């Protein structure tokens, strides 16, 4: 009886551990690529893809002289939302723009904000591997979800 109870205990522990292991083999790079492509097509948006998988479009060119670098402190207005249109974060006028260093944000921002010049506006379509991946900071952002940001680069 003692060995049987020990066996059940070990079996329970193995079951518990195996249920905690992530067995999701989904290729989210490919899934997000398709989701972005479908969104762009369905909304008649002409965007440019980078080698990393980021898509963007310049909606207002700015001064086309001054561009931030990956280590710049930037001041921006922005709206972040999902493919369904649900806003998860924003900073808009009349509030003061928010300032932060591009080294302290998601990869999609670090790469994308360097593509727009001072005073310009850009729309970023960020796949999850350049965003929050499977660990978003809030439940308003789906795990492995595509993020869209409308950003105005006020200054840097």
N, C-alpha and C. Protein backbone atom coordinates (compact mmCIF):
# COMPACT_ATOMS: atom_id res chain seq x y z
N UNK A 1 0.82 -1.19 0.00
CA UNK A 1 0.00 0.00 0.00
C UNK A 1 0.87 1.26 0.00
N UNK A 2 1.97 1.22 0.78
CA UNK A 2 2.86 2.36 0.86
C UNK A 2 3.44 2.68 -0.52
N UNK A 3 3.82 1.65 -1.28
CA UNK A 3 4.40 1.85 -2.61
C UNK A 3 3.36 2.36 -3.60
N UNK A 4 2.13 1.89 -3.42
CA UNK A 4 1.06 2.34 -4.29
C UNK A 4 0.80 3.83 -4.10
N UNK A 5 0.77 4.29 -2.85
CA UNK A 5 0.57 5.71 -2.57
C UNK A 5 1.75 6.54 -3.08
N UNK A 6 2.96 6.02 -2.95
CA UNK A 6 4.14 6.69 -3.47
C UNK A 6 4.04 6.80 -4.99
N UNK A 7 3.61 5.71 -5.64
CA UNK A 7 3.44 5.71 -7.09
C UNK A 7 2.41 6.77 -7.51
N UNK A 8 1.29 6.85 -6.81
CA UNK A 8 0.26 7.84 -7.14
C UNK A 8 0.79 9.26 -6.95
N UNK A 9 1.57 9.47 -5.91
CA UNK A 9 2.16 10.79 -5.67
C UNK A 9 3.10 11.21 -6.78
N UNK A 10 3.96 10.28 -7.20
CA UNK A 10 4.90 10.55 -8.29
C UNK A 10 4.13 10.80 -9.58
N UNK A 11 3.11 10.01 -9.84
CA UNK A 11 2.29 10.18 -11.04
C UNK A 11 1.61 11.55 -11.04
N UNK A 12 1.11 11.98 -9.89
CA UNK A 12 0.46 13.29 -9.78
C UNK A 12 1.46 14.41 -10.07
N UNK A 13 2.68 14.29 -9.55
CA UNK A 13 3.71 15.31 -9.78
C UNK A 13 4.08 15.36 -11.25
N UNK A 14 4.26 14.22 -11.89
CA UNK A 14 4.61 14.17 -13.32
C UNK A 14 3.48 14.80 -14.15
N UNK A 15 2.25 14.49 -13.82
CA UNK A 15 1.11 15.06 -14.54
C UNK A 15 1.07 16.57 -14.38
N UNK A 16 1.30 17.05 -13.19
CA UNK A 16 1.30 18.49 -12.92
C UNK A 16 2.41 19.19 -13.70
N UNK A 17 3.59 18.64 -13.68
CA UNK A 17 4.72 19.24 -14.39
C UNK A 17 4.49 19.23 -15.90
N UNK A 18 4.00 18.13 -16.43
CA UNK A 18 3.80 18.05 -17.88
C UNK A 18 2.69 18.99 -18.34
N UNK A 19 1.72 19.28 -17.48
CA UNK A 19 0.66 20.20 -17.87
C UNK A 19 1.15 21.64 -17.89
N UNK A 20 2.25 21.93 -17.23
CA UNK A 20 2.81 23.28 -17.20
C UNK A 20 3.77 23.55 -18.35
N UNK A 21 4.19 22.53 -19.04
CA UNK A 21 5.14 22.68 -20.13
C UNK A 21 4.40 23.17 -21.37
N UNK A 22 4.93 24.19 -22.02
CA UNK A 22 4.32 24.74 -23.23
C UNK A 22 4.63 23.83 -24.41
N UNK A 23 3.59 23.26 -24.98
CA UNK A 23 3.78 22.37 -26.12
C UNK A 23 3.27 23.02 -27.40
N UNK A 24 3.12 24.33 -27.40
CA UNK A 24 2.63 25.05 -28.57
C UNK A 24 3.76 25.15 -29.60
N UNK A 25 3.61 24.42 -30.69
CA UNK A 25 4.62 24.43 -31.75
C UNK A 25 4.24 25.35 -32.89
N UNK A 26 3.31 26.25 -32.66
CA UNK A 26 2.84 27.16 -33.71
C UNK A 26 3.97 28.10 -34.14
N UNK A 27 4.11 28.27 -35.44
CA UNK A 27 5.09 29.20 -36.00
C UNK A 27 4.43 30.58 -36.06
N UNK A 28 4.56 31.35 -34.98
CA UNK A 28 3.89 32.64 -34.90
C UNK A 28 4.50 33.68 -35.85
N UNK A 29 5.72 33.50 -36.27
CA UNK A 29 6.29 34.40 -37.29
C UNK A 29 5.46 34.29 -38.57
N UNK A 30 5.19 33.06 -38.99
CA UNK A 30 4.39 32.83 -40.19
C UNK A 30 2.93 33.24 -39.98
N UNK A 31 2.38 32.93 -38.81
CA UNK A 31 0.99 33.30 -38.51
C UNK A 31 0.84 34.82 -38.54
N UNK A 32 1.74 35.53 -37.87
CA UNK A 32 1.67 36.99 -37.83
C UNK A 32 1.88 37.60 -39.20
N UNK A 33 2.77 37.02 -40.00
CA UNK A 33 3.00 37.50 -41.37
C UNK A 33 1.70 37.45 -42.16
N UNK A 34 0.98 36.34 -42.04
CA UNK A 34 -0.29 36.20 -42.75
C UNK A 34 -1.34 37.16 -42.19
N UNK A 35 -1.38 37.31 -40.87
CA UNK A 35 -2.35 38.22 -40.26
C UNK A 35 -2.11 39.66 -40.72
N UNK A 36 -0.85 40.07 -40.77
CA UNK A 36 -0.53 41.43 -41.22
C UNK A 36 -0.89 41.59 -42.69
N UNK A 37 -0.51 40.63 -43.52
CA UNK A 37 -0.83 40.68 -44.95
C UNK A 37 -2.33 40.78 -45.18
N UNK A 38 -3.10 39.98 -44.46
CA UNK A 38 -4.56 40.01 -44.59
C UNK A 38 -5.11 41.37 -44.16
N UNK A 39 -4.61 41.89 -43.05
CA UNK A 39 -5.08 43.19 -42.54
C UNK A 39 -4.79 44.30 -43.55
N UNK A 40 -3.58 44.30 -44.08
CA UNK A 40 -3.21 45.33 -45.05
C UNK A 40 -4.09 45.24 -46.30
N UNK A 41 -4.31 44.02 -46.78
CA UNK A 41 -5.14 43.83 -47.98
C UNK A 41 -6.59 44.23 -47.72
N UNK A 42 -7.13 43.79 -46.60
CA UNK A 42 -8.53 44.08 -46.27
C UNK A 42 -8.79 45.56 -46.03
N UNK A 43 -7.77 46.29 -45.64
CA UNK A 43 -7.91 47.72 -45.35
C UNK A 43 -7.27 48.61 -46.42
N UNK A 44 -6.88 48.00 -47.54
CA UNK A 44 -6.26 48.74 -48.66
C UNK A 44 -5.10 49.63 -48.20
N UNK A 45 -4.22 49.04 -47.41
CA UNK A 45 -3.06 49.76 -46.89
C UNK A 45 -1.82 49.28 -47.63
N UNK A 46 -1.05 50.22 -48.13
CA UNK A 46 0.21 49.91 -48.81
C UNK A 46 1.33 50.15 -47.81
N UNK A 47 1.93 49.08 -47.33
CA UNK A 47 2.99 49.17 -46.33
C UNK A 47 4.25 48.49 -46.85
N UNK A 48 5.37 48.86 -46.27
CA UNK A 48 6.67 48.31 -46.64
C UNK A 48 7.11 47.32 -45.56
N UNK A 49 7.66 46.20 -45.98
CA UNK A 49 8.18 45.21 -45.03
C UNK A 49 9.69 45.36 -44.90
N UNK A 50 10.19 45.17 -43.70
CA UNK A 50 11.63 45.14 -43.48
C UNK A 50 12.06 43.67 -43.38
N UNK A 51 13.34 43.44 -43.34
CA UNK A 51 13.86 42.07 -43.24
C UNK A 51 13.50 41.37 -41.95
N UNK A 52 13.18 42.12 -40.92
CA UNK A 52 12.85 41.53 -39.62
C UNK A 52 11.42 41.04 -39.54
N UNK A 53 10.56 41.50 -40.46
CA UNK A 53 9.15 41.17 -40.40
C UNK A 53 8.27 42.34 -40.01
N UNK A 54 8.88 43.48 -39.66
CA UNK A 54 8.14 44.70 -39.36
C UNK A 54 7.57 45.26 -40.66
N UNK A 55 6.33 45.72 -40.59
CA UNK A 55 5.72 46.46 -41.70
C UNK A 55 5.49 47.89 -41.23
N UNK A 56 5.62 48.84 -42.16
CA UNK A 56 5.39 50.23 -41.81
C UNK A 56 4.93 51.02 -43.02
N UNK A 57 4.31 52.16 -42.70
CA UNK A 57 4.03 53.14 -43.74
C UNK A 57 4.18 54.52 -43.13
N UNK A 58 4.83 55.38 -43.88
CA UNK A 58 4.99 56.77 -43.47
C UNK A 58 3.70 57.49 -43.85
N UNK A 59 3.01 58.05 -42.86
CA UNK A 59 1.75 58.74 -43.14
C UNK A 59 1.95 60.25 -43.24
N UNK A 60 3.07 60.73 -42.70
CA UNK A 60 3.47 62.14 -42.82
C UNK A 60 4.99 62.15 -42.79
N UNK A 61 5.65 62.65 -43.83
CA UNK A 61 7.10 62.49 -43.94
C UNK A 61 7.96 63.23 -42.91
N UNK A 62 7.52 64.29 -42.31
CA UNK A 62 8.39 65.03 -41.41
C UNK A 62 9.41 65.82 -42.19
N UNK A 63 10.50 66.24 -41.51
CA UNK A 63 11.49 67.11 -42.17
C UNK A 63 12.42 66.37 -43.12
N UNK A 64 12.43 65.07 -43.08
CA UNK A 64 13.25 64.21 -43.94
C UNK A 64 14.74 64.54 -43.87
N UNK A 65 15.16 65.14 -42.78
CA UNK A 65 16.57 65.48 -42.57
C UNK A 65 17.09 64.80 -41.30
N UNK A 66 16.33 64.88 -40.24
CA UNK A 66 16.77 64.37 -38.95
C UNK A 66 16.01 63.09 -38.60
N UNK A 67 16.78 62.01 -38.43
CA UNK A 67 16.21 60.71 -38.08
C UNK A 67 16.83 60.23 -36.77
N UNK A 68 16.04 59.67 -35.87
CA UNK A 68 16.62 59.15 -34.62
C UNK A 68 17.44 57.90 -34.87
N UNK A 69 18.27 57.56 -33.91
CA UNK A 69 19.05 56.32 -33.94
C UNK A 69 18.48 55.36 -32.89
N UNK A 70 19.01 54.17 -32.84
CA UNK A 70 18.54 53.16 -31.89
C UNK A 70 18.79 53.56 -30.44
N UNK A 71 19.63 54.56 -30.20
CA UNK A 71 19.93 54.99 -28.84
C UNK A 71 19.33 56.36 -28.51
N UNK A 72 18.50 56.90 -29.40
CA UNK A 72 17.91 58.23 -29.19
C UNK A 72 16.83 58.22 -28.12
N UNK A 73 16.73 59.37 -27.44
CA UNK A 73 15.57 59.66 -26.61
C UNK A 73 14.57 60.34 -27.52
N UNK A 74 13.37 59.80 -27.61
CA UNK A 74 12.36 60.36 -28.51
C UNK A 74 11.15 60.84 -27.74
N UNK A 75 10.51 61.89 -28.26
CA UNK A 75 9.24 62.38 -27.72
C UNK A 75 8.18 62.10 -28.76
N UNK A 76 7.13 61.41 -28.36
CA UNK A 76 6.12 60.96 -29.31
C UNK A 76 4.70 61.09 -28.75
N UNK A 77 3.77 61.14 -29.69
CA UNK A 77 2.37 60.85 -29.44
C UNK A 77 2.12 59.52 -30.13
N UNK A 78 1.25 58.69 -29.57
CA UNK A 78 1.01 57.41 -30.21
C UNK A 78 -0.32 56.82 -29.78
N UNK A 79 -0.77 55.87 -30.55
CA UNK A 79 -1.91 55.02 -30.20
C UNK A 79 -1.49 53.60 -30.55
N UNK A 80 -1.63 52.68 -29.61
CA UNK A 80 -1.35 51.27 -29.83
C UNK A 80 -2.64 50.49 -29.80
N UNK A 81 -2.85 49.62 -30.81
CA UNK A 81 -4.08 48.85 -30.88
C UNK A 81 -3.84 47.51 -31.55
N UNK A 82 -4.81 46.64 -31.42
CA UNK A 82 -4.72 45.29 -31.98
C UNK A 82 -5.34 45.27 -33.38
N UNK A 83 -5.23 44.15 -34.05
CA UNK A 83 -5.83 44.01 -35.39
C UNK A 83 -7.35 44.19 -35.36
N UNK A 84 -7.97 43.94 -34.23
CA UNK A 84 -9.42 44.11 -34.11
C UNK A 84 -9.79 45.57 -33.89
N UNK A 85 -8.78 46.44 -33.69
CA UNK A 85 -9.04 47.86 -33.47
C UNK A 85 -9.13 48.26 -32.02
N UNK A 86 -8.94 47.32 -31.12
CA UNK A 86 -9.03 47.60 -29.68
C UNK A 86 -7.76 48.32 -29.20
N UNK A 87 -7.93 49.54 -28.71
CA UNK A 87 -6.80 50.33 -28.21
C UNK A 87 -6.34 49.80 -26.86
N UNK A 88 -5.03 49.56 -26.72
CA UNK A 88 -4.50 49.10 -25.44
C UNK A 88 -3.63 50.15 -24.77
N UNK A 89 -3.22 51.19 -25.51
CA UNK A 89 -2.42 52.26 -24.91
C UNK A 89 -2.40 53.45 -25.86
N UNK A 90 -2.29 54.64 -25.29
CA UNK A 90 -2.18 55.83 -26.14
C UNK A 90 -1.67 57.02 -25.35
N UNK A 91 -1.11 57.92 -26.09
CA UNK A 91 -0.67 59.21 -25.55
C UNK A 91 -0.95 60.22 -26.66
N UNK A 92 -1.95 61.06 -26.46
CA UNK A 92 -2.40 61.99 -27.49
C UNK A 92 -2.43 63.42 -26.94
N UNK A 93 -2.37 64.40 -27.84
CA UNK A 93 -2.57 65.78 -27.45
C UNK A 93 -4.00 65.90 -26.92
N UNK A 94 -4.26 66.72 -25.94
CA UNK A 94 -3.46 67.83 -25.44
C UNK A 94 -2.44 67.45 -24.37
N UNK A 95 -2.32 66.17 -24.04
CA UNK A 95 -1.26 65.77 -23.11
C UNK A 95 0.09 66.10 -23.73
N UNK A 96 1.09 66.25 -22.87
CA UNK A 96 2.45 66.42 -23.38
C UNK A 96 2.90 65.10 -23.99
N UNK A 97 3.74 65.15 -25.04
CA UNK A 97 4.24 63.89 -25.60
C UNK A 97 5.06 63.13 -24.55
N UNK A 98 5.11 61.83 -24.71
CA UNK A 98 5.90 61.00 -23.80
C UNK A 98 7.30 60.86 -24.38
N UNK A 99 8.30 60.86 -23.50
CA UNK A 99 9.69 60.76 -23.92
C UNK A 99 10.30 59.50 -23.33
N UNK A 100 11.01 58.76 -24.17
CA UNK A 100 11.71 57.57 -23.70
C UNK A 100 12.86 57.24 -24.64
N UNK A 101 13.74 56.36 -24.18
CA UNK A 101 14.88 55.94 -24.98
C UNK A 101 14.50 54.73 -25.82
N UNK A 102 14.90 54.72 -27.08
CA UNK A 102 14.56 53.63 -27.97
C UNK A 102 15.21 52.30 -27.58
N UNK A 103 16.17 52.33 -26.68
CA UNK A 103 16.76 51.08 -26.20
C UNK A 103 15.87 50.40 -25.17
N UNK A 104 14.87 51.11 -24.65
CA UNK A 104 14.04 50.57 -23.59
C UNK A 104 12.64 50.18 -24.03
N UNK A 105 12.43 49.99 -25.31
CA UNK A 105 11.10 49.65 -25.83
C UNK A 105 11.16 48.35 -26.62
N UNK A 106 10.03 47.89 -27.10
CA UNK A 106 10.01 46.66 -27.90
C UNK A 106 10.80 46.86 -29.19
N UNK A 107 11.31 45.78 -29.73
CA UNK A 107 12.16 45.83 -30.92
C UNK A 107 11.47 46.50 -32.10
N UNK A 108 10.18 46.27 -32.25
CA UNK A 108 9.44 46.88 -33.36
C UNK A 108 9.47 48.40 -33.32
N UNK A 109 9.45 48.97 -32.11
CA UNK A 109 9.57 50.43 -31.96
C UNK A 109 11.00 50.88 -32.24
N UNK A 110 11.96 50.18 -31.68
CA UNK A 110 13.36 50.58 -31.89
C UNK A 110 13.68 50.63 -33.37
N UNK A 111 13.26 49.62 -34.10
CA UNK A 111 13.50 49.58 -35.54
C UNK A 111 12.64 50.59 -36.29
N UNK A 112 11.37 50.63 -35.97
CA UNK A 112 10.42 51.43 -36.74
C UNK A 112 10.57 52.93 -36.59
N UNK A 113 10.83 53.40 -35.39
CA UNK A 113 10.90 54.85 -35.17
C UNK A 113 12.10 55.46 -35.89
N UNK A 114 13.12 54.67 -36.14
CA UNK A 114 14.28 55.17 -36.90
C UNK A 114 13.95 55.43 -38.37
N UNK A 115 12.80 54.97 -38.83
CA UNK A 115 12.41 55.10 -40.24
C UNK A 115 11.66 56.40 -40.54
N UNK A 116 11.31 57.14 -39.50
CA UNK A 116 10.54 58.38 -39.69
C UNK A 116 11.38 59.56 -39.18
N UNK A 117 11.27 60.67 -39.88
CA UNK A 117 12.06 61.84 -39.50
C UNK A 117 11.28 62.73 -38.52
N UNK A 118 12.00 63.65 -37.93
CA UNK A 118 11.44 64.57 -36.93
C UNK A 118 10.21 65.27 -37.51
N UNK A 119 9.13 65.25 -36.73
CA UNK A 119 7.88 65.87 -37.16
C UNK A 119 7.01 64.96 -38.00
N UNK A 120 7.49 63.78 -38.32
CA UNK A 120 6.76 62.85 -39.17
C UNK A 120 5.86 61.91 -38.39
N UNK A 121 5.06 61.18 -39.15
CA UNK A 121 4.16 60.19 -38.57
C UNK A 121 4.33 58.87 -39.31
N UNK A 122 4.25 57.79 -38.54
CA UNK A 122 4.45 56.45 -39.08
C UNK A 122 3.42 55.51 -38.48
N UNK A 123 3.03 54.53 -39.27
CA UNK A 123 2.18 53.46 -38.77
C UNK A 123 3.01 52.19 -38.79
N UNK A 124 3.09 51.52 -37.64
CA UNK A 124 3.88 50.31 -37.49
C UNK A 124 2.97 49.11 -37.31
N UNK A 125 3.28 48.04 -38.03
CA UNK A 125 2.58 46.77 -37.90
C UNK A 125 3.62 45.78 -37.38
N UNK A 126 3.52 45.47 -36.09
CA UNK A 126 4.59 44.77 -35.39
C UNK A 126 4.19 43.33 -35.08
N UNK A 127 4.89 42.35 -35.68
CA UNK A 127 4.62 40.95 -35.34
C UNK A 127 5.07 40.67 -33.91
N UNK A 128 4.52 39.63 -33.34
CA UNK A 128 4.76 39.36 -31.91
C UNK A 128 6.23 39.14 -31.57
N UNK A 129 7.02 38.60 -32.49
CA UNK A 129 8.43 38.37 -32.15
C UNK A 129 9.21 39.69 -32.04
N UNK A 130 8.64 40.79 -32.52
CA UNK A 130 9.25 42.12 -32.35
C UNK A 130 8.49 42.94 -31.31
N UNK A 131 7.48 42.30 -30.70
CA UNK A 131 6.67 42.95 -29.69
C UNK A 131 6.83 42.26 -28.35
N UNK A 132 5.73 41.75 -27.84
CA UNK A 132 5.74 41.12 -26.52
C UNK A 132 5.73 39.60 -26.56
N UNK A 133 5.63 39.01 -27.75
CA UNK A 133 5.64 37.56 -27.85
C UNK A 133 4.51 36.93 -27.06
N UNK A 134 4.83 35.88 -26.34
CA UNK A 134 3.81 35.15 -25.57
C UNK A 134 3.60 35.73 -24.18
N UNK A 135 4.31 36.82 -23.83
CA UNK A 135 4.22 37.39 -22.48
C UNK A 135 3.88 38.88 -22.50
N UNK A 136 2.69 39.26 -22.98
CA UNK A 136 2.34 40.67 -23.00
C UNK A 136 2.20 41.24 -21.59
N UNK A 137 2.44 42.54 -21.42
CA UNK A 137 2.40 43.14 -20.09
C UNK A 137 0.98 43.35 -19.55
N UNK A 138 -0.02 43.20 -20.40
CA UNK A 138 -1.40 43.40 -19.99
C UNK A 138 -2.31 42.45 -20.76
N UNK A 139 -3.44 42.14 -20.17
CA UNK A 139 -4.39 41.24 -20.84
C UNK A 139 -5.06 41.91 -22.05
N UNK A 140 -4.91 43.22 -22.20
CA UNK A 140 -5.47 43.94 -23.35
C UNK A 140 -4.69 43.62 -24.63
N UNK A 141 -3.48 43.07 -24.48
CA UNK A 141 -2.65 42.68 -25.63
C UNK A 141 -2.66 41.16 -25.70
N UNK A 142 -3.12 40.60 -26.82
CA UNK A 142 -3.15 39.13 -26.90
C UNK A 142 -1.74 38.54 -27.01
N UNK A 143 -1.55 37.41 -26.37
CA UNK A 143 -0.28 36.70 -26.49
C UNK A 143 -0.04 36.37 -27.96
N UNK A 144 1.18 36.56 -28.42
CA UNK A 144 1.58 36.29 -29.80
C UNK A 144 0.77 37.09 -30.82
N UNK A 145 0.25 38.23 -30.39
CA UNK A 145 -0.58 39.04 -31.27
C UNK A 145 0.19 40.13 -31.98
N UNK A 146 -0.33 40.51 -33.14
CA UNK A 146 0.22 41.62 -33.92
C UNK A 146 -0.21 42.93 -33.24
N UNK A 147 0.70 43.88 -33.19
CA UNK A 147 0.43 45.20 -32.63
C UNK A 147 0.49 46.24 -33.74
N UNK A 148 -0.39 47.22 -33.67
CA UNK A 148 -0.35 48.34 -34.60
C UNK A 148 -0.16 49.60 -33.78
N UNK A 149 0.75 50.45 -34.24
CA UNK A 149 0.98 51.74 -33.58
C UNK A 149 0.94 52.84 -34.62
N UNK A 150 0.19 53.89 -34.30
CA UNK A 150 0.23 55.14 -35.05
C UNK A 150 1.07 56.08 -34.21
N UNK A 151 2.19 56.54 -34.77
CA UNK A 151 3.15 57.31 -33.98
C UNK A 151 3.49 58.63 -34.68
N UNK A 152 3.50 59.69 -33.90
CA UNK A 152 4.00 60.98 -34.36
C UNK A 152 5.31 61.26 -33.62
N UNK A 153 6.39 61.40 -34.38
CA UNK A 153 7.70 61.71 -33.78
C UNK A 153 7.80 63.21 -33.60
N UNK A 154 7.58 63.69 -32.40
CA UNK A 154 7.56 65.12 -32.11
C UNK A 154 8.97 65.67 -32.06
N UNK A 155 9.86 64.96 -31.38
CA UNK A 155 11.22 65.47 -31.22
C UNK A 155 12.13 64.33 -30.77
N UNK A 156 13.42 64.57 -30.85
CA UNK A 156 14.41 63.65 -30.31
C UNK A 156 15.72 64.39 -30.11
